[in-house]
């Protein structure tokens, strides 16, 4: 599965993109197609939160250091606006990713350990 940060972001992107293709019709919006796909933005949000990059003013700037997988990172305001608009999709994808990880539980609480640098 994921042994380091690069593996984690790639694995989450593959899963998120597969799920996104199935649920995309539920989240259609007007306007031109963005350079950064919705599935990539959802992946950046999920992996960023796992890394502790959950502050809106910081998340997009952290991803600018990792442009090899996500070369088209939106501006901070656009990133955060799209992230908030995609929150229902992100929550669904996050739940499915966590189920696939088969993490240990105490009752209904998942014990989550994320990869750190």
PDB file of N, CA and C in Angstrom:
ATOM      1  N   UNK A   1       0.841  -1.178   0.000  1.00  0.00           N
ATOM      2  CA  UNK A   1       0.000   0.000   0.000  1.00  0.00           C
ATOM      3  C   UNK A   1       0.885   1.239   0.000  1.00  0.00           C
ATOM      4  N   UNK A   2       0.896   2.037   1.082  1.00  0.00           N
ATOM      5  CA  UNK A   2       1.660   3.276   1.109  1.00  0.00           C
ATOM      6  C   UNK A   2       2.773   3.182   2.139  1.00  0.00           C
ATOM      7  N   UNK A   3       4.005   3.339   1.668  1.00  0.00           N
ATOM      8  CA  UNK A   3       5.155   3.274   2.558  1.00  0.00           C
ATOM      9  C   UNK A   3       5.744   4.649   2.861  1.00  0.00           C
ATOM     10  N   UNK A   4       5.438   5.635   2.040  1.00  0.00           N
ATOM     11  CA  UNK A   4       5.943   6.981   2.251  1.00  0.00           C
ATOM     12  C   UNK A   4       4.939   7.979   1.672  1.00  0.00           C
ATOM     13  N   UNK A   5       5.271   9.238   1.752  1.00  0.00           N
ATOM     14  CA  UNK A   5       4.351  10.290   1.313  1.00  0.00           C
ATOM     15  C   UNK A   5       3.992  10.158  -0.168  1.00  0.00           C
ATOM     16  N   UNK A   6       4.975   9.877  -1.009  1.00  0.00           N
ATOM     17  CA  UNK A   6       4.717   9.752  -2.441  1.00  0.00           C
ATOM     18  C   UNK A   6       3.751   8.600  -2.723  1.00  0.00           C
ATOM     19  N   UNK A   7       3.968   7.470  -2.054  1.00  0.00           N
ATOM     20  CA  UNK A   7       3.055   6.331  -2.221  1.00  0.00           C
ATOM     21  C   UNK A   7       1.651   6.667  -1.737  1.00  0.00           C
ATOM     22  N   UNK A   8       1.568   7.333  -0.579  1.00  0.00           N
ATOM     23  CA  UNK A   8       0.267   7.679  -0.010  1.00  0.00           C
ATOM     24  C   UNK A   8      -0.528   8.576  -0.947  1.00  0.00           C
ATOM     25  N   UNK A   9       0.088   9.645  -1.433  1.00  0.00           N
ATOM     26  CA  UNK A   9      -0.665  10.564  -2.292  1.00  0.00           C
ATOM     27  C   UNK A   9      -1.054   9.899  -3.608  1.00  0.00           C
ATOM     28  N   UNK A  10      -0.199   9.026  -4.138  1.00  0.00           N
ATOM     29  CA  UNK A  10      -0.540   8.325  -5.376  1.00  0.00           C
ATOM     30  C   UNK A  10      -1.677   7.338  -5.140  1.00  0.00           C
ATOM     31  N   UNK A  11      -1.600   6.568  -4.053  1.00  0.00           N
ATOM     32  CA  UNK A  11      -2.631   5.585  -3.735  1.00  0.00           C
ATOM     33  C   UNK A  11      -3.973   6.276  -3.507  1.00  0.00           C
ATOM     34  N   UNK A  12      -3.968   7.358  -2.709  1.00  0.00           N
ATOM     35  CA  UNK A  12      -5.225   8.072  -2.444  1.00  0.00           C
ATOM     36  C   UNK A  12      -5.771   8.659  -3.736  1.00  0.00           C
ATOM     37  N   UNK A  13      -4.901   9.185  -4.599  1.00  0.00           N
ATOM     38  CA  UNK A  13      -5.387   9.756  -5.863  1.00  0.00           C
ATOM     39  C   UNK A  13      -6.048   8.684  -6.736  1.00  0.00           C
ATOM     40  N   UNK A  14      -5.442   7.530  -6.853  1.00  0.00           N
ATOM     41  CA  UNK A  14      -6.014   6.462  -7.684  1.00  0.00           C
ATOM     42  C   UNK A  14      -7.398   6.072  -7.157  1.00  0.00           C
ATOM     43  N   UNK A  15      -7.513   5.895  -5.846  1.00  0.00           N
ATOM     44  CA  UNK A  15      -8.791   5.530  -5.238  1.00  0.00           C
ATOM     45  C   UNK A  15      -9.791   6.671  -5.395  1.00  0.00           C
ATOM     46  N   UNK A  16      -9.374   7.887  -5.072  1.00  0.00           N
ATOM     47  CA  UNK A  16     -10.275   9.046  -5.149  1.00  0.00           C
ATOM     48  C   UNK A  16     -10.768   9.269  -6.573  1.00  0.00           C
ATOM     49  N   UNK A  17      -9.885   9.115  -7.550  1.00  0.00           N
ATOM     50  CA  UNK A  17     -10.291   9.323  -8.937  1.00  0.00           C
ATOM     51  C   UNK A  17     -11.285   8.253  -9.393  1.00  0.00           C
ATOM     52  N   UNK A  18     -11.064   7.007  -8.993  1.00  0.00           N
ATOM     53  CA  UNK A  18     -12.016   5.943  -9.336  1.00  0.00           C
ATOM     54  C   UNK A  18     -13.392   6.226  -8.744  1.00  0.00           C
ATOM     55  N   UNK A  19     -13.422   6.635  -7.477  1.00  0.00           N
ATOM     56  CA  UNK A  19     -14.698   6.940  -6.827  1.00  0.00           C
ATOM     57  C   UNK A  19     -15.321   8.171  -7.470  1.00  0.00           C
ATOM     58  N   UNK A  20     -14.488   9.174  -7.751  1.00  0.00           N
ATOM     59  CA  UNK A  20     -14.997  10.424  -8.341  1.00  0.00           C
ATOM     60  C   UNK A  20     -15.689  10.160  -9.678  1.00  0.00           C
ATOM     61  N   UNK A  21     -15.140   9.287 -10.484  1.00  0.00           N
ATOM     62  CA  UNK A  21     -15.754   9.004 -11.782  1.00  0.00           C
ATOM     63  C   UNK A  21     -17.177   8.481 -11.619  1.00  0.00           C
ATOM     64  N   UNK A  22     -17.445   7.796 -10.511  1.00  0.00           N
ATOM     65  CA  UNK A  22     -18.777   7.252 -10.257  1.00  0.00           C
ATOM     66  C   UNK A  22     -19.738   8.301  -9.700  1.00  0.00           C
ATOM     67  N   UNK A  23     -19.239   9.228  -8.901  1.00  0.00           N
ATOM     68  CA  UNK A  23     -20.123  10.194  -8.248  1.00  0.00           C
ATOM     69  C   UNK A  23     -20.124  11.567  -8.922  1.00  0.00           C
ATOM     70  N   UNK A  24     -19.279  11.749  -9.915  1.00  0.00           N
ATOM     71  CA  UNK A  24     -19.149  13.047 -10.579  1.00  0.00           C
ATOM     72  C   UNK A  24     -20.476  13.643 -11.035  1.00  0.00           C
ATOM     73  N   UNK A  25     -21.413  12.857 -11.586  1.00  0.00           N
ATOM     74  CA  UNK A  25     -22.687  13.460 -12.016  1.00  0.00           C
ATOM     75  C   UNK A  25     -23.468  14.131 -10.889  1.00  0.00           C
ATOM     76  N   UNK A  26     -23.230  13.727  -9.664  1.00  0.00           N
ATOM     77  CA  UNK A  26     -23.932  14.327  -8.526  1.00  0.00           C
ATOM     78  C   UNK A  26     -23.380  15.703  -8.168  1.00  0.00           C
ATOM     79  N   UNK A  27     -22.205  16.037  -8.690  1.00  0.00           N
ATOM     80  CA  UNK A  27     -21.530  17.276  -8.319  1.00  0.00           C
ATOM     81  C   UNK A  27     -21.223  18.158  -9.531  1.00  0.00           C
ATOM     82  N   UNK A  28     -22.060  18.104 -10.543  1.00  0.00           N
ATOM     83  CA  UNK A  28     -21.800  18.910 -11.735  1.00  0.00           C
ATOM     84  C   UNK A  28     -21.956  20.389 -11.399  1.00  0.00           C
ATOM     85  N   UNK A  29     -21.174  21.209 -12.088  1.00  0.00           N
ATOM     86  CA  UNK A  29     -21.241  22.653 -11.887  1.00  0.00           C
ATOM     87  C   UNK A  29     -20.994  23.351 -13.212  1.00  0.00           C
ATOM     88  N   UNK A  30     -21.480  24.574 -13.323  1.00  0.00           N
ATOM     89  CA  UNK A  30     -21.289  25.304 -14.581  1.00  0.00           C
ATOM     90  C   UNK A  30     -19.853  25.825 -14.698  1.00  0.00           C
ATOM     91  N   UNK A  31     -19.543  26.293 -15.874  1.00  0.00           N
ATOM     92  CA  UNK A  31     -18.246  26.927 -16.080  1.00  0.00           C
ATOM     93  C   UNK A  31     -17.259  26.034 -16.787  1.00  0.00           C
ATOM     94  N   UNK A  32     -16.109  26.612 -17.113  1.00  0.00           N
ATOM     95  CA  UNK A  32     -15.078  25.837 -17.815  1.00  0.00           C
ATOM     96  C   UNK A  32     -14.471  24.776 -16.911  1.00  0.00           C
ATOM     97  N   UNK A  33     -13.939  23.760 -17.548  1.00  0.00           N
ATOM     98  CA  UNK A  33     -13.270  22.674 -16.828  1.00  0.00           C
ATOM     99  C   UNK A  33     -11.996  23.228 -16.180  1.00  0.00           C
ATOM    100  N   UNK A  34     -11.810  23.020 -14.875  1.00  0.00           N
ATOM    101  CA  UNK A  34     -10.607  23.554 -14.215  1.00  0.00           C
ATOM    102  C   UNK A  34      -9.352  22.782 -14.625  1.00  0.00           C
ATOM    103  N   UNK A  35      -8.209  23.446 -14.559  1.00  0.00           N
ATOM    104  CA  UNK A  35      -6.943  22.787 -14.881  1.00  0.00           C
ATOM    105  C   UNK A  35      -6.606  21.700 -13.864  1.00  0.00           C
ATOM    106  N   UNK A  36      -6.983  21.921 -12.616  1.00  0.00           N
ATOM    107  CA  UNK A  36      -6.792  20.926 -11.562  1.00  0.00           C
ATOM    108  C   UNK A  36      -8.129  20.212 -11.391  1.00  0.00           C
ATOM    109  N   UNK A  37      -8.165  18.923 -11.709  1.00  0.00           N
ATOM    110  CA  UNK A  37      -9.425  18.181 -11.650  1.00  0.00           C
ATOM    111  C   UNK A  37      -9.973  18.128 -10.230  1.00  0.00           C
ATOM    112  N   UNK A  38     -11.275  17.899 -10.138  1.00  0.00           N
ATOM    113  CA  UNK A  38     -11.907  17.788  -8.821  1.00  0.00           C
ATOM    114  C   UNK A  38     -11.333  16.617  -8.032  1.00  0.00           C
ATOM    115  N   UNK A  39     -11.057  15.502  -8.704  1.00  0.00           N
ATOM    116  CA  UNK A  39     -10.507  14.349  -7.979  1.00  0.00           C
ATOM    117  C   UNK A  39      -9.105  14.653  -7.443  1.00  0.00           C
ATOM    118  N   UNK A  40      -8.326  15.436  -8.161  1.00  0.00           N
ATOM    119  CA  UNK A  40      -7.002  15.822  -7.658  1.00  0.00           C
ATOM    120  C   UNK A  40      -7.143  16.767  -6.476  1.00  0.00           C
ATOM    121  N   UNK A  41      -8.079  17.699  -6.551  1.00  0.00           N
ATOM    122  CA  UNK A  41      -8.274  18.625  -5.452  1.00  0.00           C
ATOM    123  C   UNK A  41      -8.755  17.894  -4.198  1.00  0.00           C
ATOM    124  N   UNK A  42      -9.680  16.952  -4.364  1.00  0.00           N
ATOM    125  CA  UNK A  42     -10.141  16.144  -3.230  1.00  0.00           C
ATOM    126  C   UNK A  42      -8.975  15.352  -2.640  1.00  0.00           C
ATOM    127  N   UNK A  43      -8.135  14.789  -3.485  1.00  0.00           N
ATOM    128  CA  UNK A  43      -6.966  14.050  -3.013  1.00  0.00           C
ATOM    129  C   UNK A  43      -6.039  14.957  -2.223  1.00  0.00           C
ATOM    130  N   UNK A  44      -5.774  16.141  -2.747  1.00  0.00           N
ATOM    131  CA  UNK A  44      -4.900  17.077  -2.033  1.00  0.00           C
ATOM    132  C   UNK A  44      -5.493  17.436  -0.674  1.00  0.00           C
ATOM    133  N   UNK A  45      -6.804  17.587  -0.598  1.00  0.00           N
ATOM    134  CA  UNK A  45      -7.447  17.913   0.674  1.00  0.00           C
ATOM    135  C   UNK A  45      -7.311  16.764   1.663  1.00  0.00           C
ATOM    136  N   UNK A  46      -7.596  15.554   1.218  1.00  0.00           N
ATOM    137  CA  UNK A  46      -7.546  14.390   2.120  1.00  0.00           C
ATOM    138  C   UNK A  46      -6.116  14.123   2.592  1.00  0.00           C
ATOM    139  N   UNK A  47      -5.175  14.083   1.668  1.00  0.00           N
ATOM    140  CA  UNK A  47      -3.778  13.817   2.044  1.00  0.00           C
ATOM    141  C   UNK A  47      -3.224  14.978   2.870  1.00  0.00           C
ATOM    142  N   UNK A  48      -3.586  16.193   2.499  1.00  0.00           N
ATOM    143  CA  UNK A  48      -3.135  17.356   3.265  1.00  0.00           C
ATOM    144  C   UNK A  48      -3.625  17.326   4.697  1.00  0.00           C
ATOM    145  N   UNK A  49      -4.880  16.952   4.889  1.00  0.00           N
ATOM    146  CA  UNK A  49      -5.420  16.837   6.243  1.00  0.00           C
ATOM    147  C   UNK A  49      -4.694  15.751   7.020  1.00  0.00           C
ATOM    148  N   UNK A  50      -4.385  14.664   6.351  1.00  0.00           N
ATOM    149  CA  UNK A  50      -3.657  13.573   6.984  1.00  0.00           C
ATOM    150  C   UNK A  50      -2.268  14.039   7.428  1.00  0.00           C
ATOM    151  N   UNK A  51      -1.670  14.900   6.651  1.00  0.00           N
ATOM    152  CA  UNK A  51      -0.345  15.433   6.984  1.00  0.00           C
ATOM    153  C   UNK A  51      -0.399  16.559   8.002  1.00  0.00           C
ATOM    154  N   UNK A  52      -1.619  17.004   8.364  1.00  0.00           N
ATOM    155  CA  UNK A  52      -1.750  18.109   9.304  1.00  0.00           C
ATOM    156  C   UNK A  52      -1.784  19.464   8.631  1.00  0.00           C
ATOM    157  N   UNK A  53      -1.983  19.472   7.324  1.00  0.00           N
ATOM    158  CA  UNK A  53      -2.051  20.725   6.573  1.00  0.00           C
ATOM    159  C   UNK A  53      -3.501  21.182   6.452  1.00  0.00           C
ATOM    160  N   UNK A  54      -4.239  21.183   7.525  1.00  0.00           N
ATOM    161  CA  UNK A  54      -5.665  21.454   7.445  1.00  0.00           C
ATOM    162  C   UNK A  54      -6.033  22.926   7.585  1.00  0.00           C
ATOM    163  N   UNK A  55      -5.071  23.796   7.755  1.00  0.00           N
ATOM    164  CA  UNK A  55      -5.344  25.231   7.819  1.00  0.00           C
ATOM    165  C   UNK A  55      -5.470  25.744   6.394  1.00  0.00           C
ATOM    166  N   UNK A  56      -6.618  26.364   6.100  1.00  0.00           N
ATOM    167  CA  UNK A  56      -6.889  26.796   4.719  1.00  0.00           C
ATOM    168  C   UNK A  56      -5.811  27.696   4.147  1.00  0.00           C
ATOM    169  N   UNK A  57      -5.232  28.536   4.973  1.00  0.00           N
ATOM    170  CA  UNK A  57      -4.223  29.461   4.460  1.00  0.00           C
ATOM    171  C   UNK A  57      -2.898  28.794   4.139  1.00  0.00           C
ATOM    172  N   UNK A  58      -2.737  27.543   4.538  1.00  0.00           N
ATOM    173  CA  UNK A  58      -1.464  26.856   4.341  1.00  0.00           C
ATOM    174  C   UNK A  58      -1.500  25.693   3.357  1.00  0.00           C
ATOM    175  N   UNK A  59      -2.648  25.026   3.209  1.00  0.00           N
ATOM    176  CA  UNK A  59      -2.672  23.769   2.457  1.00  0.00           C
ATOM    177  C   UNK A  59      -2.168  23.922   1.023  1.00  0.00           C
ATOM    178  N   UNK A  60      -2.686  24.892   0.284  1.00  0.00           N
ATOM    179  CA  UNK A  60      -2.267  25.005  -1.120  1.00  0.00           C
ATOM    180  C   UNK A  60      -0.777  25.338  -1.230  1.00  0.00           C
ATOM    181  N   UNK A  61      -0.242  26.117  -0.288  1.00  0.00           N
ATOM    182  CA  UNK A  61       1.190  26.440  -0.357  1.00  0.00           C
ATOM    183  C   UNK A  61       2.054  25.207  -0.082  1.00  0.00           C
ATOM    184  N   UNK A  62       1.600  24.303   0.783  1.00  0.00           N
ATOM    185  CA  UNK A  62       2.350  23.065   1.011  1.00  0.00           C
ATOM    186  C   UNK A  62       2.385  22.220  -0.264  1.00  0.00           C
ATOM    187  N   UNK A  63       1.278  22.172  -0.981  1.00  0.00           N
ATOM    188  CA  UNK A  63       1.240  21.345  -2.194  1.00  0.00           C
ATOM    189  C   UNK A  63       2.116  21.903  -3.310  1.00  0.00           C
ATOM    190  N   UNK A  64       2.421  23.183  -3.272  1.00  0.00           N
ATOM    191  CA  UNK A  64       3.280  23.754  -4.308  1.00  0.00           C
ATOM    192  C   UNK A  64       4.688  23.163  -4.271  1.00  0.00           C
ATOM    193  N   UNK A  65       5.045  22.556  -3.140  1.00  0.00           N
ATOM    194  CA  UNK A  65       6.341  21.881  -3.023  1.00  0.00           C
ATOM    195  C   UNK A  65       6.304  20.477  -3.625  1.00  0.00           C
ATOM    196  N   UNK A  66       5.123  20.029  -4.045  1.00  0.00           N
ATOM    197  CA  UNK A  66       4.952  18.663  -4.561  1.00  0.00           C
ATOM    198  C   UNK A  66       4.211  18.690  -5.898  1.00  0.00           C
ATOM    199  N   UNK A  67       4.707  19.475  -6.821  1.00  0.00           N
ATOM    200  CA  UNK A  67       4.027  19.645  -8.109  1.00  0.00           C
ATOM    201  C   UNK A  67       4.217  18.471  -9.068  1.00  0.00           C
ATOM    202  N   UNK A  68       5.019  17.494  -8.716  1.00  0.00           N
ATOM    203  CA  UNK A  68       5.261  16.383  -9.633  1.00  0.00           C
ATOM    204  C   UNK A  68       3.989  15.584  -9.913  1.00  0.00           C
ATOM    205  N   UNK A  69       3.121  15.397  -8.926  1.00  0.00           N
ATOM    206  CA  UNK A  69       1.867  14.678  -9.161  1.00  0.00           C
ATOM    207  C   UNK A  69       0.723  15.636  -9.481  1.00  0.00           C
ATOM    208  N   UNK A  70       0.743  16.822  -8.879  1.00  0.00           N
ATOM    209  CA  UNK A  70      -0.318  17.807  -9.077  1.00  0.00           C
ATOM    210  C   UNK A  70       0.291  19.117  -9.581  1.00  0.00           C
ATOM    211  N   UNK A  71       0.584  19.214 -10.868  1.00  0.00           N
ATOM    212  CA  UNK A  71       1.272  20.403 -11.373  1.00  0.00           C
ATOM    213  C   UNK A  71       0.398  21.662 -11.416  1.00  0.00           C
ATOM    214  N   UNK A  72      -0.911  21.512 -11.524  1.00  0.00           N
ATOM    215  CA  UNK A  72      -1.806  22.671 -11.638  1.00  0.00           C
ATOM    216  C   UNK A  72      -2.554  22.903 -10.332  1.00  0.00           C
ATOM    217  N   UNK A  73      -1.897  23.589  -9.416  1.00  0.00           N
ATOM    218  CA  UNK A  73      -2.503  23.873  -8.125  1.00  0.00           C
ATOM    219  C   UNK A  73      -3.186  25.235  -8.203  1.00  0.00           C
ATOM    220  N   UNK A  74      -4.478  25.283  -7.879  1.00  0.00           N
ATOM    221  CA  UNK A  74      -5.186  26.561  -7.942  1.00  0.00           C
ATOM    222  C   UNK A  74      -4.638  27.567  -6.928  1.00  0.00           C
ATOM    223  N   UNK A  75      -4.961  28.833  -7.152  1.00  0.00           N
ATOM    224  CA  UNK A  75      -4.591  29.857  -6.178  1.00  0.00           C
ATOM    225  C   UNK A  75      -5.231  29.501  -4.834  1.00  0.00           C
ATOM    226  N   UNK A  76      -4.711  30.072  -3.771  1.00  0.00           N
ATOM    227  CA  UNK A  76      -5.202  29.735  -2.436  1.00  0.00           C
ATOM    228  C   UNK A  76      -6.704  29.960  -2.307  1.00  0.00           C
ATOM    229  N   UNK A  77      -7.207  31.089  -2.768  1.00  0.00           N
ATOM    230  CA  UNK A  77      -8.643  31.359  -2.610  1.00  0.00           C
ATOM    231  C   UNK A  77      -9.491  30.400  -3.438  1.00  0.00           C
ATOM    232  N   UNK A  78      -9.058  30.110  -4.658  1.00  0.00           N
ATOM    233  CA  UNK A  78      -9.815  29.170  -5.498  1.00  0.00           C
ATOM    234  C   UNK A  78      -9.729  27.748  -4.934  1.00  0.00           C
ATOM    235  N   UNK A  79      -8.544  27.360  -4.475  1.00  0.00           N
ATOM    236  CA  UNK A  79      -8.363  26.043  -3.864  1.00  0.00           C
ATOM    237  C   UNK A  79      -9.332  25.876  -2.697  1.00  0.00           C
ATOM    238  N   UNK A  80      -9.367  26.858  -1.800  1.00  0.00           N
ATOM    239  CA  UNK A  80     -10.212  26.757  -0.609  1.00  0.00           C
ATOM    240  C   UNK A  80     -11.696  26.806  -0.950  1.00  0.00           C
ATOM    241  N   UNK A  81     -12.074  27.624  -1.910  1.00  0.00           N
ATOM    242  CA  UNK A  81     -13.483  27.689  -2.328  1.00  0.00           C
ATOM    243  C   UNK A  81     -13.919  26.355  -2.920  1.00  0.00           C
ATOM    244  N   UNK A  82     -13.112  25.793  -3.809  1.00  0.00           N
ATOM    245  CA  UNK A  82     -13.454  24.494  -4.404  1.00  0.00           C
ATOM    246  C   UNK A  82     -13.431  23.393  -3.352  1.00  0.00           C
ATOM    247  N   UNK A  83     -12.474  23.453  -2.445  1.00  0.00           N
ATOM    248  CA  UNK A  83     -12.390  22.457  -1.360  1.00  0.00           C
ATOM    249  C   UNK A  83     -13.673  22.468  -0.539  1.00  0.00           C
ATOM    250  N   UNK A  84     -14.142  23.652  -0.164  1.00  0.00           N
ATOM    251  CA  UNK A  84     -15.392  23.745   0.606  1.00  0.00           C
ATOM    252  C   UNK A  84     -16.576  23.261  -0.213  1.00  0.00           C
ATOM    253  N   UNK A  85     -16.635  23.611  -1.488  1.00  0.00           N
ATOM    254  CA  UNK A  85     -17.755  23.173  -2.342  1.00  0.00           C
ATOM    255  C   UNK A  85     -17.757  21.657  -2.544  1.00  0.00           C
ATOM    256  N   UNK A  86     -16.583  21.051  -2.525  1.00  0.00           N
ATOM    257  CA  UNK A  86     -16.470  19.607  -2.735  1.00  0.00           C
ATOM    258  C   UNK A  86     -16.475  18.812  -1.422  1.00  0.00           C
ATOM    259  N   UNK A  87     -16.743  19.475  -0.303  1.00  0.00           N
ATOM    260  CA  UNK A  87     -16.684  18.794   0.995  1.00  0.00           C
ATOM    261  C   UNK A  87     -17.581  17.555   1.062  1.00  0.00           C
ATOM    262  N   UNK A  88     -18.817  17.572   0.543  1.00  0.00           N
ATOM    263  CA  UNK A  88     -19.614  16.331   0.587  1.00  0.00           C
ATOM    264  C   UNK A  88     -18.939  15.178  -0.169  1.00  0.00           C
ATOM    265  N   UNK A  89     -18.342  15.466  -1.314  1.00  0.00           N
ATOM    266  CA  UNK A  89     -17.626  14.436  -2.070  1.00  0.00           C
ATOM    267  C   UNK A  89     -16.376  14.003  -1.315  1.00  0.00           C
ATOM    268  N   UNK A  90     -15.660  14.952  -0.736  1.00  0.00           N
ATOM    269  CA  UNK A  90     -14.456  14.628   0.029  1.00  0.00           C
ATOM    270  C   UNK A  90     -14.788  13.723   1.205  1.00  0.00           C
ATOM    271  N   UNK A  91     -15.878  14.018   1.899  1.00  0.00           N
ATOM    272  CA  UNK A  91     -16.266  13.202   3.047  1.00  0.00           C
ATOM    273  C   UNK A  91     -16.597  11.773   2.621  1.00  0.00           C
ATOM    274  N   UNK A  92     -17.309  11.637   1.515  1.00  0.00           N
ATOM    275  CA  UNK A  92     -17.649  10.302   1.007  1.00  0.00           C
ATOM    276  C   UNK A  92     -16.380   9.532   0.616  1.00  0.00           C
ATOM    277  N   UNK A  93     -15.506  10.182  -0.127  1.00  0.00           N
ATOM    278  CA  UNK A  93     -14.267   9.537  -0.572  1.00  0.00           C
ATOM    279  C   UNK A  93     -13.378   9.214   0.626  1.00  0.00           C
ATOM    280  N   UNK A  94     -13.296  10.135   1.583  1.00  0.00           N
ATOM    281  CA  UNK A  94     -12.491   9.899   2.788  1.00  0.00           C
ATOM    282  C   UNK A  94     -12.981   8.658   3.524  1.00  0.00           C
ATOM    283  N   UNK A  95     -14.291   8.524   3.687  1.00  0.00           N
ATOM    284  CA  UNK A  95     -14.836   7.343   4.370  1.00  0.00           C
ATOM    285  C   UNK A  95     -14.481   6.067   3.623  1.00  0.00           C
ATOM    286  N   UNK A  96     -14.561   6.094   2.308  1.00  0.00           N
ATOM    287  CA  UNK A  96     -14.251   4.899   1.523  1.00  0.00           C
ATOM    288  C   UNK A  96     -12.760   4.561   1.600  1.00  0.00           C
ATOM    289  N   UNK A  97     -11.907   5.572   1.566  1.00  0.00           N
ATOM    290  CA  UNK A  97     -10.466   5.344   1.685  1.00  0.00           C
ATOM    291  C   UNK A  97     -10.156   4.744   3.052  1.00  0.00           C
ATOM    292  N   UNK A  98     -10.754   5.271   4.108  1.00  0.00           N
ATOM    293  CA  UNK A  98     -10.506   4.747   5.448  1.00  0.00           C
ATOM    294  C   UNK A  98     -10.971   3.304   5.578  1.00  0.00           C
ATOM    295  N   UNK A  99     -12.081   2.969   4.938  1.00  0.00           N
ATOM    296  CA  UNK A  99     -12.542   1.578   4.963  1.00  0.00           C
ATOM    297  C   UNK A  99     -11.536   0.662   4.272  1.00  0.00           C
ATOM    298  N   UNK A 100     -10.953   1.130   3.179  1.00  0.00           N
ATOM    299  CA  UNK A 100      -9.980   0.325   2.442  1.00  0.00           C
ATOM    300  C   UNK A 100      -8.692   0.130   3.236  1.00  0.00           C
ATOM    301  N   UNK A 101      -8.360   1.102   4.084  1.00  0.00           N
ATOM    302  CA  UNK A 101      -7.143   0.999   4.879  1.00  0.00           C
ATOM    303  C   UNK A 101      -7.268  -0.041   5.968  1.00  0.00           C
ATOM    304  N   UNK A 102      -8.506  -0.411   6.335  1.00  0.00           N
ATOM    305  CA  UNK A 102      -8.749  -1.433   7.357  1.00  0.00           C
ATOM    306  C   UNK A 102      -7.977  -1.110   8.626  1.00  0.00           C
ATOM    307  N   UNK A 103      -8.162   0.106   9.110  1.00  0.00           N
ATOM    308  CA  UNK A 103      -7.466   0.563  10.307  1.00  0.00           C
ATOM    309  C   UNK A 103      -8.099  -0.004  11.567  1.00  0.00           C
ATOM    310  N   UNK A 104      -7.304  -0.147  12.624  1.00  0.00           N
ATOM    311  CA  UNK A 104      -7.865  -0.638  13.885  1.00  0.00           C
ATOM    312  C   UNK A 104      -8.888   0.347  14.450  1.00  0.00           C
ATOM    313  N   UNK A 105      -9.881  -0.189  15.163  1.00  0.00           N
ATOM    314  CA  UNK A 105     -10.951   0.618  15.721  1.00  0.00           C
ATOM    315  C   UNK A 105     -11.104   0.336  17.204  1.00  0.00           C
ATOM    316  N   UNK A 106     -11.569   1.365  17.900  1.00  0.00           N
ATOM    317  CA  UNK A 106     -12.052   1.210  19.267  1.00  0.00           C
ATOM    318  C   UNK A 106     -13.511   1.655  19.199  1.00  0.00           C
ATOM    319  N   UNK A 107     -14.426   0.705  19.226  1.00  0.00           N
ATOM    320  CA  UNK A 107     -15.836   1.031  19.015  1.00  0.00           C
ATOM    321  C   UNK A 107     -16.010   1.555  17.604  1.00  0.00           C
ATOM    322  N   UNK A 108     -16.570   2.749  17.487  1.00  0.00           N
ATOM    323  CA  UNK A 108     -16.763   3.366  16.177  1.00  0.00           C
ATOM    324  C   UNK A 108     -15.657   4.354  15.832  1.00  0.00           C
ATOM    325  N   UNK A 109     -14.627   4.426  16.651  1.00  0.00           N
ATOM    326  CA  UNK A 109     -13.551   5.394  16.438  1.00  0.00           C
ATOM    327  C   UNK A 109     -12.389   4.707  15.736  1.00  0.00           C
ATOM    328  N   UNK A 110     -11.961   5.300  14.617  1.00  0.00           N
ATOM    329  CA  UNK A 110     -10.797   4.790  13.900  1.00  0.00           C
ATOM    330  C   UNK A 110      -9.525   5.302  14.543  1.00  0.00           C
ATOM    331  N   UNK A 111      -8.535   4.445  14.662  1.00  0.00           N
ATOM    332  CA  UNK A 111      -7.213   4.867  15.111  1.00  0.00           C
ATOM    333  C   UNK A 111      -6.397   5.157  13.867  1.00  0.00           C
ATOM    334  N   UNK A 112      -6.124   6.427  13.612  1.00  0.00           N
ATOM    335  CA  UNK A 112      -5.477   6.840  12.373  1.00  0.00           C
ATOM    336  C   UNK A 112      -4.051   7.276  12.646  1.00  0.00           C
ATOM    337  N   UNK A 113      -3.137   6.690  11.902  1.00  0.00           N
ATOM    338  CA  UNK A 113      -1.735   7.079  11.956  1.00  0.00           C
ATOM    339  C   UNK A 113      -1.348   7.455  10.538  1.00  0.00           C
ATOM    340  N   UNK A 114      -0.987   8.714  10.347  1.00  0.00           N
ATOM    341  CA  UNK A 114      -0.603   9.193   9.021  1.00  0.00           C
ATOM    342  C   UNK A 114       0.908   9.245   8.895  1.00  0.00           C
ATOM    343  N   UNK A 115       1.365   9.155   7.670  1.00  0.00           N
ATOM    344  CA  UNK A 115       2.797   9.198   7.412  1.00  0.00           C
ATOM    345  C   UNK A 115       3.314  10.615   7.581  1.00  0.00           C
ATOM    346  N   UNK A 116       4.384  10.773   8.296  1.00  0.00           N
ATOM    347  CA  UNK A 116       5.005  12.071   8.499  1.00  0.00           C
ATOM    348  C   UNK A 116       6.355  12.076   7.814  1.00  0.00           C
ATOM    349  N   UNK A 117       6.839  13.276   7.492  1.00  0.00           N
ATOM    350  CA  UNK A 117       8.157  13.340   6.825  1.00  0.00           C
ATOM    351  C   UNK A 117       9.265  12.858   7.711  1.00  0.00           C
TER     352      UNK A 117
END
